Amino acid sequence: MSHVDQTVEHIRANHPASLEQLTELLALPSISTLPEHRNDVRRTAEWLKARLDAVGMERTAIMDTPGHPVVYAEWLGAPGEPVLLVYGHYDVQPADPIEEWSADPFSATTR
């Protein structure tokens, strides 16, 4: 079986669990520009760190900054292989104007 076939098989087998995790993540209102959501941003960082720990990252950390925390993880278990860096934001912008949404912006909706 090719690496591509293995990857597709893995995605299909894990789709329900992946969708459940995405739904959990989307429910966290990590609105970084609103002070009242500071704890939600921290909770989202903790959620991400826990998921990274669960998938086997060897070193994970939540690093405090003057603004919001940064989540770091590494796995260097393939000596001599290329290193992949993934950079992403886990914070979101305010959902205003809320009345223009057709569904709750922090609740996953399948259409």
PDB file of N, CA and C in Angstrom:
ATOM      1  N   MET A   1       0.859  -1.172   0.000  1.00  0.00           N
ATOM      2  CA  MET A   1       0.000   0.000   0.000  1.00  0.00           C
ATOM      3  C   MET A   1       0.907   1.237   0.000  1.00  0.00           C
ATOM      4  N   SER A   2       0.587   2.205  -0.854  1.00  0.00           N
ATOM      5  CA  SER A   2       1.399   3.422  -0.957  1.00  0.00           C
ATOM      6  C   SER A   2       1.160   4.340   0.245  1.00  0.00           C
ATOM      7  N   HIS A   3       2.071   5.291   0.435  1.00  0.00           N
ATOM      8  CA  HIS A   3       1.901   6.273   1.517  1.00  0.00           C
ATOM      9  C   HIS A   3       0.611   7.075   1.324  1.00  0.00           C
ATOM     10  N   VAL A   4       0.286   7.382   0.077  1.00  0.00           N
ATOM     11  CA  VAL A   4      -0.943   8.124  -0.197  1.00  0.00           C
ATOM     12  C   VAL A   4      -2.153   7.285   0.198  1.00  0.00           C
ATOM     13  N   ASP A   5      -2.150   6.017  -0.177  1.00  0.00           N
ATOM     14  CA  ASP A   5      -3.259   5.130   0.183  1.00  0.00           C
ATOM     15  C   ASP A   5      -3.380   4.991   1.701  1.00  0.00           C
ATOM     16  N   GLN A   6      -2.248   4.876   2.381  1.00  0.00           N
ATOM     17  CA  GLN A   6      -2.259   4.776   3.842  1.00  0.00           C
ATOM     18  C   GLN A   6      -2.829   6.047   4.468  1.00  0.00           C
ATOM     19  N   THR A   7      -2.456   7.198   3.901  1.00  0.00           N
ATOM     20  CA  THR A   7      -2.940   8.475   4.414  1.00  0.00           C
ATOM     21  C   THR A   7      -4.448   8.589   4.223  1.00  0.00           C
ATOM     22  N   VAL A   8      -4.937   8.257   3.043  1.00  0.00           N
ATOM     23  CA  VAL A   8      -6.376   8.309   2.772  1.00  0.00           C
ATOM     24  C   VAL A   8      -7.123   7.351   3.699  1.00  0.00           C
ATOM     25  N   GLU A   9      -6.593   6.161   3.896  1.00  0.00           N
ATOM     26  CA  GLU A   9      -7.226   5.189   4.793  1.00  0.00           C
ATOM     27  C   GLU A   9      -7.275   5.740   6.223  1.00  0.00           C
ATOM     28  N   HIS A  10      -6.191   6.349   6.664  1.00  0.00           N
ATOM     29  CA  HIS A  10      -6.144   6.932   8.006  1.00  0.00           C
ATOM     30  C   HIS A  10      -7.183   8.047   8.154  1.00  0.00           C
ATOM     31  N   ILE A  11      -7.279   8.903   7.156  1.00  0.00           N
ATOM     32  CA  ILE A  11      -8.249  10.004   7.195  1.00  0.00           C
ATOM     33  C   ILE A  11      -9.673   9.451   7.280  1.00  0.00           C
ATOM     34  N   ARG A  12      -9.978   8.478   6.463  1.00  0.00           N
ATOM     35  CA  ARG A  12     -11.327   7.897   6.479  1.00  0.00           C
ATOM     36  C   ARG A  12     -11.637   7.232   7.821  1.00  0.00           C
ATOM     37  N   ALA A  13     -10.675   6.505   8.349  1.00  0.00           N
ATOM     38  CA  ALA A  13     -10.898   5.790   9.613  1.00  0.00           C
ATOM     39  C   ALA A  13     -11.057   6.746  10.790  1.00  0.00           C
ATOM     40  N   ASN A  14     -10.392   7.892  10.719  1.00  0.00           N
ATOM     41  CA  ASN A  14     -10.394   8.822  11.843  1.00  0.00           C
ATOM     42  C   ASN A  14     -11.304  10.026  11.639  1.00  0.00           C
ATOM     43  N   HIS A  15     -12.074  10.018  10.562  1.00  0.00           N
ATOM     44  CA  HIS A  15     -12.926  11.165  10.263  1.00  0.00           C
ATOM     45  C   HIS A  15     -13.884  11.516  11.400  1.00  0.00           C
ATOM     46  N   PRO A  16     -14.614  10.557  11.973  1.00  0.00           N
ATOM     47  CA  PRO A  16     -15.548  10.929  13.054  1.00  0.00           C
ATOM     48  C   PRO A  16     -14.839  11.579  14.246  1.00  0.00           C
ATOM     49  N   ALA A  17     -13.729  11.033  14.682  1.00  0.00           N
ATOM     50  CA  ALA A  17     -12.997  11.595  15.820  1.00  0.00           C
ATOM     51  C   ALA A  17     -12.418  12.963  15.468  1.00  0.00           C
ATOM     52  N   SER A  18     -11.930  13.108  14.258  1.00  0.00           N
ATOM     53  CA  SER A  18     -11.379  14.400  13.828  1.00  0.00           C
ATOM     54  C   SER A  18     -12.470  15.460  13.779  1.00  0.00           C
ATOM     55  N   LEU A  19     -13.627  15.098  13.291  1.00  0.00           N
ATOM     56  CA  LEU A  19     -14.754  16.032  13.231  1.00  0.00           C
ATOM     57  C   LEU A  19     -15.198  16.430  14.639  1.00  0.00           C
ATOM     58  N   GLU A  20     -15.200  15.469  15.547  1.00  0.00           N
ATOM     59  CA  GLU A  20     -15.561  15.761  16.942  1.00  0.00           C
ATOM     60  C   GLU A  20     -14.567  16.746  17.561  1.00  0.00           C
ATOM     61  N   GLN A  21     -13.278  16.543  17.307  1.00  0.00           N
ATOM     62  CA  GLN A  21     -12.265  17.456  17.848  1.00  0.00           C
ATOM     63  C   GLN A  21     -12.384  18.844  17.228  1.00  0.00           C
ATOM     64  N   LEU A  22     -12.643  18.914  15.939  1.00  0.00           N
ATOM     65  CA  LEU A  22     -12.820  20.204  15.286  1.00  0.00           C
ATOM     66  C   LEU A  22     -14.026  20.931  15.866  1.00  0.00           C
ATOM     67  N   THR A  23     -15.099  20.206  16.125  1.00  0.00           N
ATOM     68  CA  THR A  23     -16.299  20.797  16.722  1.00  0.00           C
ATOM     69  C   THR A  23     -15.982  21.366  18.109  1.00  0.00           C
ATOM     70  N   GLU A  24     -15.198  20.627  18.899  1.00  0.00           N
ATOM     71  CA  GLU A  24     -14.781  21.117  20.221  1.00  0.00           C
ATOM     72  C   GLU A  24     -13.974  22.407  20.088  1.00  0.00           C
ATOM     73  N   LEU A  25     -13.039  22.418  19.156  1.00  0.00           N
ATOM     74  CA  LEU A  25     -12.185  23.594  18.967  1.00  0.00           C
ATOM     75  C   LEU A  25     -13.006  24.802  18.525  1.00  0.00           C
ATOM     76  N   LEU A  26     -13.921  24.591  17.591  1.00  0.00           N
ATOM     77  CA  LEU A  26     -14.741  25.694  17.085  1.00  0.00           C
ATOM     78  C   LEU A  26     -15.657  26.286  18.155  1.00  0.00           C
ATOM     79  N   ALA A  27     -15.983  25.503  19.170  1.00  0.00           N
ATOM     80  CA  ALA A  27     -16.870  25.981  20.232  1.00  0.00           C
ATOM     81  C   ALA A  27     -16.168  26.911  21.221  1.00  0.00           C
ATOM     82  N   LEU A  28     -14.853  26.991  21.148  1.00  0.00           N
ATOM     83  CA  LEU A  28     -14.097  27.839  22.071  1.00  0.00           C
ATOM     84  C   LEU A  28     -14.020  29.256  21.508  1.00  0.00           C
ATOM     85  N   PRO A  29     -14.644  30.220  22.170  1.00  0.00           N
ATOM     86  CA  PRO A  29     -14.665  31.587  21.643  1.00  0.00           C
ATOM     87  C   PRO A  29     -13.365  32.339  21.946  1.00  0.00           C
ATOM     88  N   SER A  30     -12.297  31.930  21.296  1.00  0.00           N
ATOM     89  CA  SER A  30     -10.971  32.501  21.554  1.00  0.00           C
ATOM     90  C   SER A  30     -10.787  33.832  20.811  1.00  0.00           C
ATOM     91  N   ILE A  31     -11.630  34.785  21.150  1.00  0.00           N
ATOM     92  CA  ILE A  31     -11.624  36.097  20.492  1.00  0.00           C
ATOM     93  C   ILE A  31     -10.527  36.940  21.140  1.00  0.00           C
ATOM     94  N   SER A  32      -9.401  37.031  20.462  1.00  0.00           N
ATOM     95  CA  SER A  32      -8.213  37.638  21.068  1.00  0.00           C
ATOM     96  C   SER A  32      -8.295  39.151  21.222  1.00  0.00           C
ATOM     97  N   THR A  33      -9.178  39.798  20.499  1.00  0.00           N
ATOM     98  CA  THR A  33      -9.251  41.262  20.568  1.00  0.00           C
ATOM     99  C   THR A  33     -10.193  41.764  21.662  1.00  0.00           C
ATOM    100  N   LEU A  34     -10.916  40.866  22.317  1.00  0.00           N
ATOM    101  CA  LEU A  34     -11.856  41.271  23.366  1.00  0.00           C
ATOM    102  C   LEU A  34     -11.349  40.792  24.725  1.00  0.00           C
ATOM    103  N   PRO A  35     -11.059  41.733  25.641  1.00  0.00           N
ATOM    104  CA  PRO A  35     -10.507  41.365  26.947  1.00  0.00           C
ATOM    105  C   PRO A  35     -11.362  40.353  27.717  1.00  0.00           C
ATOM    106  N   GLU A  36     -12.667  40.388  27.525  1.00  0.00           N
ATOM    107  CA  GLU A  36     -13.528  39.451  28.254  1.00  0.00           C
ATOM    108  C   GLU A  36     -13.342  37.996  27.799  1.00  0.00           C
ATOM    109  N   HIS A  37     -12.619  37.775  26.699  1.00  0.00           N
ATOM    110  CA  HIS A  37     -12.364  36.419  26.208  1.00  0.00           C
ATOM    111  C   HIS A  37     -10.924  35.969  26.457  1.00  0.00           C
ATOM    112  N   ARG A  38     -10.198  36.718  27.279  1.00  0.00           N
ATOM    113  CA  ARG A  38      -8.810  36.354  27.579  1.00  0.00           C
ATOM    114  C   ARG A  38      -8.707  34.918  28.120  1.00  0.00           C
ATOM    115  N   ASN A  39      -9.603  34.561  29.036  1.00  0.00           N
ATOM    116  CA  ASN A  39      -9.585  33.197  29.591  1.00  0.00           C
ATOM    117  C   ASN A  39      -9.940  32.147  28.541  1.00  0.00           C
ATOM    118  N   ASP A  40     -10.805  32.515  27.582  1.00  0.00           N
ATOM    119  CA  ASP A  40     -11.141  31.585  26.496  1.00  0.00           C
ATOM    120  C   ASP A  40      -9.937  31.326  25.600  1.00  0.00           C
ATOM    121  N   VAL A  41      -9.146  32.365  25.360  1.00  0.00           N
ATOM    122  CA  VAL A  41      -7.931  32.198  24.549  1.00  0.00           C
ATOM    123  C   VAL A  41      -6.972  31.254  25.281  1.00  0.00           C
ATOM    124  N   ARG A  42      -6.813  31.439  26.585  1.00  0.00           N
ATOM    125  CA  ARG A  42      -5.943  30.562  27.396  1.00  0.00           C
ATOM    126  C   ARG A  42      -6.480  29.133  27.370  1.00  0.00           C
ATOM    127  N   ARG A  43      -7.791  28.973  27.516  1.00  0.00           N
ATOM    128  CA  ARG A  43      -8.410  27.643  27.500  1.00  0.00           C
ATOM    129  C   ARG A  43      -8.188  26.962  26.146  1.00  0.00           C
ATOM    130  N   THR A  44      -8.228  27.737  25.071  1.00  0.00           N
ATOM    131  CA  THR A  44      -7.992  27.181  23.738  1.00  0.00           C
ATOM    132  C   THR A  44      -6.541  26.732  23.604  1.00  0.00           C
ATOM    133  N   ALA A  45      -5.612  27.515  24.124  1.00  0.00           N
ATOM    134  CA  ALA A  45      -4.202  27.110  24.110  1.00  0.00           C
ATOM    135  C   ALA A  45      -4.016  25.800  24.878  1.00  0.00           C
ATOM    136  N   GLU A  46      -4.663  25.668  26.011  1.00  0.00           N
ATOM    137  CA  GLU A  46      -4.580  24.435  26.797  1.00  0.00           C
ATOM    138  C   GLU A  46      -5.196  23.256  26.049  1.00  0.00           C
ATOM    139  N   TRP A  47      -6.302  23.505  25.343  1.00  0.00           N
ATOM    140  CA  TRP A  47      -6.944  22.457  24.544  1.00  0.00           C
ATOM    141  C   TRP A  47      -5.980  21.973  23.457  1.00  0.00           C
ATOM    142  N   LEU A  48      -5.350  22.919  22.760  1.00  0.00           N
ATOM    143  CA  LEU A  48      -4.410  22.553  21.699  1.00  0.00           C
ATOM    144  C   LEU A  48      -3.220  21.772  22.243  1.00  0.00           C
ATOM    145  N   LYS A  49      -2.670  22.232  23.356  1.00  0.00           N
ATOM    146  CA  LYS A  49      -1.529  21.521  23.955  1.00  0.00           C
ATOM    147  C   LYS A  49      -1.925  20.089  24.302  1.00  0.00           C
ATOM    148  N   ALA A  50      -3.104  19.905  24.871  1.00  0.00           N
ATOM    149  CA  ALA A  50      -3.561  18.558  25.220  1.00  0.00           C
ATOM    150  C   ALA A  50      -3.678  17.670  23.982  1.00  0.00           C
ATOM    151  N   ARG A  51      -4.191  18.218  22.872  1.00  0.00           N
ATOM    152  CA  ARG A  51      -4.290  17.437  21.635  1.00  0.00           C
ATOM    153  C   ARG A  51      -2.905  17.089  21.103  1.00  0.00           C
ATOM    154  N   LEU A  52      -1.974  18.028  21.181  1.00  0.00           N
ATOM    155  CA  LEU A  52      -0.610  17.766  20.710  1.00  0.00           C
ATOM    156  C   LEU A  52       0.062  16.701  21.572  1.00  0.00           C
ATOM    157  N   ASP A  53      -0.162  16.755  22.883  1.00  0.00           N
ATOM    158  CA  ASP A  53       0.346  15.699  23.766  1.00  0.00           C
ATOM    159  C   ASP A  53      -0.246  14.349  23.368  1.00  0.00           C
ATOM    160  N   ALA A  54      -1.544  14.335  23.076  1.00  0.00           N
ATOM    161  CA  ALA A  54      -2.256  13.091  22.765  1.00  0.00           C
ATOM    162  C   ALA A  54      -1.754  12.439  21.480  1.00  0.00           C
ATOM    163  N   VAL A  55      -1.285  13.235  20.524  1.00  0.00           N
ATOM    164  CA  VAL A  55      -0.797  12.650  19.264  1.00  0.00           C
ATOM    165  C   VAL A  55       0.686  12.305  19.320  1.00  0.00           C
ATOM    166  N   GLY A  56       1.305  12.508  20.488  1.00  0.00           N
ATOM    167  CA  GLY A  56       2.668  12.028  20.656  1.00  0.00           C
ATOM    168  C   GLY A  56       3.780  13.039  20.483  1.00  0.00           C
ATOM    169  N   MET A  57       3.448  14.315  20.523  1.00  0.00           N
ATOM    170  CA  MET A  57       4.532  15.292  20.471  1.00  0.00           C
ATOM    171  C   MET A  57       5.422  15.081  21.695  1.00  0.00           C
ATOM    172  N   GLU A  58       6.741  15.153  21.506  1.00  0.00           N
ATOM    173  CA  GLU A  58       7.674  14.854  22.590  1.00  0.00           C
ATOM    174  C   GLU A  58       7.824  16.006  23.573  1.00  0.00           C
ATOM    175  N   ARG A  59       7.671  17.195  23.088  1.00  0.00           N
ATOM    176  CA  ARG A  59       7.794  18.356  23.964  1.00  0.00           C
ATOM    177  C   ARG A  59       6.713  19.342  23.574  1.00  0.00           C
ATOM    178  N   THR A  60       5.888  19.700  24.536  1.00  0.00           N
ATOM    179  CA  THR A  60       4.858  20.701  24.295  1.00  0.00           C
ATOM    180  C   THR A  60       4.961  21.745  25.393  1.00  0.00           C
ATOM    181  N   ALA A  61       4.530  22.940  25.058  1.00  0.00           N
ATOM    182  CA  ALA A  61       4.561  24.015  26.050  1.00  0.00           C
ATOM    183  C   ALA A  61       3.574  25.096  25.672  1.00  0.00           C
ATOM    184  N   ILE A  62       3.074  25.746  26.694  1.00  0.00           N
ATOM    185  CA  ILE A  62       2.321  26.978  26.511  1.00  0.00           C
ATOM    186  C   ILE A  62       3.243  28.074  26.999  1.00  0.00           C
ATOM    187  N   MET A  63       3.611  28.959  26.099  1.00  0.00           N
ATOM    188  CA  MET A  63       4.559  30.021  26.412  1.00  0.00           C
ATOM    189  C   MET A  63       3.812  31.338  26.548  1.00  0.00           C
ATOM    190  N   ASP A  64       3.919  31.923  27.715  1.00  0.00           N
ATOM    191  CA  ASP A  64       3.263  33.208  27.940  1.00  0.00           C
ATOM    192  C   ASP A  64       4.010  34.321  27.221  1.00  0.00           C
ATOM    193  N   THR A  65       3.254  35.285  26.744  1.00  0.00           N
ATOM    194  CA  THR A  65       3.798  36.463  26.067  1.00  0.00           C
ATOM    195  C   THR A  65       3.096  37.676  26.681  1.00  0.00           C
ATOM    196  N   PRO A  66       3.516  38.886  26.344  1.00  0.00           N
ATOM    197  CA  PRO A  66       2.788  40.064  26.833  1.00  0.00           C
ATOM    198  C   PRO A  66       1.336  40.101  26.345  1.00  0.00           C
ATOM    199  N   GLY A  67       1.051  39.423  25.257  1.00  0.00           N
ATOM    200  CA  GLY A  67      -0.322  39.342  24.754  1.00  0.00           C
ATOM    201  C   GLY A  67      -0.943  38.021  25.156  1.00  0.00           C
ATOM    202  N   HIS A  68      -1.147  37.152  24.185  1.00  0.00           N
ATOM    203  CA  HIS A  68      -1.752  35.843  24.433  1.00  0.00           C
ATOM    204  C   HIS A  68      -0.678  34.766  24.359  1.00  0.00           C
ATOM    205  N   PRO A  69      -0.963  33.596  24.934  1.00  0.00           N
ATOM    206  CA  PRO A  69       0.047  32.532  24.946  1.00  0.00           C
ATOM    207  C   PRO A  69       0.281  31.934  23.563  1.00  0.00           C
ATOM    208  N   VAL A  70       1.487  31.418  23.409  1.00  0.00           N
ATOM    209  CA  VAL A  70       1.891  30.706  22.203  1.00  0.00           C
ATOM    210  C   VAL A  70       1.956  29.220  22.558  1.00  0.00           C
ATOM    211  N   VAL A  71       1.472  28.369  21.674  1.00  0.00           N
ATOM    212  CA  VAL A  71       1.532  26.925  21.889  1.00  0.00           C
ATOM    213  C   VAL A  71       2.674  26.383  21.033  1.00  0.00           C
ATOM    214  N   TYR A  72       3.535  25.608  21.659  1.00  0.00           N
ATOM    215  CA  TYR A  72       4.700  25.047  20.969  1.00  0.00           C
ATOM    216  C   TYR A  72       4.690  23.532  21.144  1.00  0.00           C
ATOM    217  N   ALA A  73       5.074  22.828  20.087  1.00  0.00           N
ATOM    218  CA  ALA A  73       5.222  21.372  20.163  1.00  0.00           C
ATOM    219  C   ALA A  73       6.304  20.934  19.191  1.00  0.00           C
ATOM    220  N   GLU A  74       6.992  19.864  19.565  1.00  0.00           N
ATOM    221  CA  GLU A  74       7.985  19.312  18.644  1.00  0.00           C
ATOM    222  C   GLU A  74       8.028  17.798  18.768  1.00  0.00           C
ATOM    223  N   TRP A  75       8.400  17.197  17.672  1.00  0.00           N
ATOM    224  CA  TRP A  75       8.690  15.770  17.600  1.00  0.00           C
ATOM    225  C   TRP A  75       9.852  15.643  16.632  1.00  0.00           C
ATOM    226  N   LEU A  76      10.961  15.208  17.126  1.00  0.00           N
ATOM    227  CA  LEU A  76      12.167  15.101  16.302  1.00  0.00           C
ATOM    228  C   LEU A  76      12.600  13.641  16.195  1.00  0.00           C
ATOM    229  N   GLY A  77      11.620  12.774  16.035  1.00  0.00           N
ATOM    230  CA  GLY A  77      11.870  11.339  16.044  1.00  0.00           C
ATOM    231  C   GLY A  77      12.274  10.729  14.718  1.00  0.00           C
ATOM    232  N   ALA A  78      12.641  11.537  13.740  1.00  0.00           N
ATOM    233  CA  ALA A  78      13.059  11.005  12.440  1.00  0.00           C
ATOM    234  C   ALA A  78      14.397  11.635  12.055  1.00  0.00           C
ATOM    235  N   PRO A  79      15.472  11.238  12.723  1.00  0.00           N
ATOM    236  CA  PRO A  79      16.788  11.834  12.439  1.00  0.00           C
ATOM    237  C   PRO A  79      17.148  11.739  10.958  1.00  0.00           C
ATOM    238  N   GLY A  80      17.708  12.815  10.458  1.00  0.00           N
ATOM    239  CA  GLY A  80      18.127  12.851   9.060  1.00  0.00           C
ATOM    240  C   GLY A  80      17.030  13.216   8.085  1.00  0.00           C
ATOM    241  N   GLU A  81      15.793  13.308   8.559  1.00  0.00           N
ATOM    242  CA  GLU A  81      14.671  13.670   7.695  1.00  0.00           C
ATOM    243  C   GLU A  81      14.422  15.173   7.778  1.00  0.00           C
ATOM    244  N   PRO A  82      13.757  15.723   6.788  1.00  0.00           N
ATOM    245  CA  PRO A  82      13.454  17.159   6.820  1.00  0.00           C
ATOM    246  C   PRO A  82      12.579  17.516   8.022  1.00  0.00           C
ATOM    247  N   VAL A  83      12.681  18.753   8.432  1.00  0.00           N
ATOM    248  CA  VAL A  83      11.868  19.278   9.522  1.00  0.00           C
ATOM    249  C   VAL A  83      10.717  20.069   8.916  1.00  0.00           C
ATOM    250  N   LEU A  84       9.529  19.884   9.443  1.00  0.00           N
ATOM    251  CA  LEU A  84       8.346  20.593   8.986  1.00  0.00           C
ATOM    252  C   LEU A  84       7.932  21.563  10.077  1.00  0.00           C
ATOM    253  N   LEU A  85       7.745  22.807   9.726  1.00  0.00           N
ATOM    254  CA  LEU A  85       7.272  23.811  10.661  1.00  0.00           C
ATOM    255  C   LEU A  85       5.846  24.168  10.286  1.00  0.00           C
ATOM    256  N   VAL A  86       4.948  24.098  11.257  1.00  0.00           N
ATOM    257  CA  VAL A  86       3.560  24.481  11.046  1.00  0.00           C
ATOM    258  C   VAL A  86       3.288  25.686  11.928  1.00  0.00           C
ATOM    259  N   TYR A  87       2.793  26.736  11.320  1.00  0.00           N
ATOM    260  CA  TYR A  87       2.457  27.962  12.047  1.00  0.00           C
ATOM    261  C   TYR A  87       0.988  28.238  11.817  1.00  0.00           C
ATOM    262  N   GLY A  88       0.274  28.500  12.868  1.00  0.00           N
ATOM    263  CA  GLY A  88      -1.142  28.777  12.707  1.00  0.00           C
ATOM    264  C   GLY A  88      -1.674  29.608  13.862  1.00  0.00           C
ATOM    265  N   HIS A  89      -2.784  30.237  13.644  1.00  0.00           N
ATOM    266  CA  HIS A  89      -3.452  31.027  14.675  1.00  0.00           C
ATOM    267  C   HIS A  89      -4.588  30.212  15.265  1.00  0.00           C
ATOM    268  N   TYR A  90      -4.737  30.277  16.568  1.00  0.00           N
ATOM    269  CA  TYR A  90      -5.863  29.613  17.218  1.00  0.00           C
ATOM    270  C   TYR A  90      -6.832  30.643  17.785  1.00  0.00           C
ATOM    271  N   ASP A  91      -6.549  31.893  17.553  1.00  0.00           N
ATOM    272  CA  ASP A  91      -7.463  32.944  17.994  1.00  0.00           C
ATOM    273  C   ASP A  91      -8.351  33.362  16.836  1.00  0.00           C
ATOM    274  N   VAL A  92      -9.465  33.989  17.169  1.00  0.00           N
ATOM    275  CA  VAL A  92     -10.404  34.421  16.138  1.00  0.00           C
ATOM    276  C   VAL A  92     -10.768  35.881  16.346  1.00  0.00           C
ATOM    277  N   GLN A  93     -11.395  36.435  15.356  1.00  0.00           N
ATOM    278  CA  GLN A  93     -11.870  37.814  15.417  1.00  0.00           C
ATOM    279  C   GLN A  93     -13.324  37.824  15.908  1.00  0.00           C
ATOM    280  N   PRO A  94     -13.788  38.949  16.412  1.00  0.00           N
ATOM    281  CA  PRO A  94     -15.193  39.025  16.837  1.00  0.00           C
ATOM    282  C   PRO A  94     -16.141  38.671  15.694  1.00  0.00           C
ATOM    283  N   ALA A  95     -17.260  38.076  16.056  1.00  0.00           N
ATOM    284  CA  ALA A  95     -18.232  37.624  15.050  1.00  0.00           C
ATOM    285  C   ALA A  95     -19.240  38.706  14.680  1.00  0.00           C
ATOM    286  N   ASP A  96     -18.993  39.923  15.097  1.00  0.00           N
ATOM    287  CA  ASP A  96     -19.926  41.026  14.824  1.00  0.00           C
ATOM    288  C   ASP A  96     -19.929  41.406  13.348  1.00  0.00           C
ATOM    289  N   PRO A  97     -21.045  41.748  12.810  1.00  0.00           N
ATOM    290  CA  PRO A  97     -22.365  41.835  13.437  1.00  0.00           C
ATOM    291  C   PRO A  97     -23.008  40.443  13.521  1.00  0.00           C
ATOM    292  N   ILE A  98     -23.298  40.037  14.720  1.00  0.00           N
ATOM    293  CA  ILE A  98     -23.795  38.694  15.009  1.00  0.00           C
ATOM    294  C   ILE A  98     -25.111  38.395  14.289  1.00  0.00           C
ATOM    295  N   GLU A  99     -25.931  39.428  14.059  1.00  0.00           N
ATOM    296  CA  GLU A  99     -27.234  39.207  13.411  1.00  0.00           C
ATOM    297  C   GLU A  99     -27.103  38.787  11.946  1.00  0.00           C
ATOM    298  N   GLU A 100     -25.918  38.937  11.379  1.00  0.00           N
ATOM    299  CA  GLU A 100     -25.719  38.525   9.982  1.00  0.00           C
ATOM    300  C   GLU A 100     -25.330  37.053   9.846  1.00  0.00           C
ATOM    301  N   TRP A 101     -25.139  36.391  10.950  1.00  0.00           N
ATOM    302  CA  TRP A 101     -24.809  34.968  10.914  1.00  0.00           C
ATOM    303  C   TRP A 101     -26.094  34.156  10.772  1.00  0.00           C
ATOM    304  N   SER A 102     -26.032  33.087   9.991  1.00  0.00           N
ATOM    305  CA  SER A 102     -27.200  32.224   9.854  1.00  0.00           C
ATOM    306  C   SER A 102     -27.204  31.111  10.904  1.00  0.00           C
ATOM    307  N   ALA A 103     -26.097  30.988  11.646  1.00  0.00           N
ATOM    308  CA  ALA A 103     -25.988  30.010  12.719  1.00  0.00           C
ATOM    309  C   ALA A 103     -25.018  30.564  13.758  1.00  0.00           C
ATOM    310  N   ASP A 104     -25.010  29.982  14.929  1.00  0.00           N
ATOM    311  CA  ASP A 104     -24.083  30.374  15.993  1.00  0.00           C
ATOM    312  C   ASP A 104     -22.653  30.213  15.486  1.00  0.00           C
ATOM    313  N   PRO A 105     -21.833  31.277  15.503  1.00  0.00           N
ATOM    314  CA  PRO A 105     -20.482  31.184  14.964  1.00  0.00           C
ATOM    315  C   PRO A 105     -19.563  30.254  15.774  1.00  0.00           C
ATOM    316  N   PHE A 106     -19.956  29.879  16.979  1.00  0.00           N
ATOM    317  CA  PHE A 106     -19.137  28.989  17.791  1.00  0.00           C
ATOM    318  C   PHE A 106     -19.778  27.621  17.969  1.00  0.00           C
ATOM    319  N   SER A 107     -20.565  27.240  16.986  1.00  0.00           N
ATOM    320  CA  SER A 107     -21.193  25.925  16.959  1.00  0.00           C
ATOM    321  C   SER A 107     -21.069  25.390  15.533  1.00  0.00           C
ATOM    322  N   ALA A 108     -20.432  24.243  15.408  1.00  0.00           N
ATOM    323  CA  ALA A 108     -20.234  23.676  14.070  1.00  0.00           C
ATOM    324  C   ALA A 108     -21.571  23.331  13.434  1.00  0.00           C
ATOM    325  N   THR A 109     -21.702  23.659  12.175  1.00  0.00           N
ATOM    326  CA  THR A 109     -22.913  23.361  11.423  1.00  0.00           C
ATOM    327  C   THR A 109     -22.525  22.688  10.120  1.00  0.00           C
ATOM    328  N   THR A 110     -23.086  21.536   9.860  1.00  0.00           N
ATOM    329  CA  THR A 110     -22.831  20.835   8.605  1.00  0.00           C
ATOM    330  C   THR A 110     -23.969  21.154   7.650  1.00  0.00           C
ATOM    331  N   ARG A 111     -23.606  21.601   6.457  1.00  0.00           N
ATOM    332  CA  ARG A 111     -24.634  21.943   5.465  1.00  0.00           C
ATOM    333  C   ARG A 111     -24.369  21.172   4.185  1.00  0.00           C
TER     334      ARG A 111
END
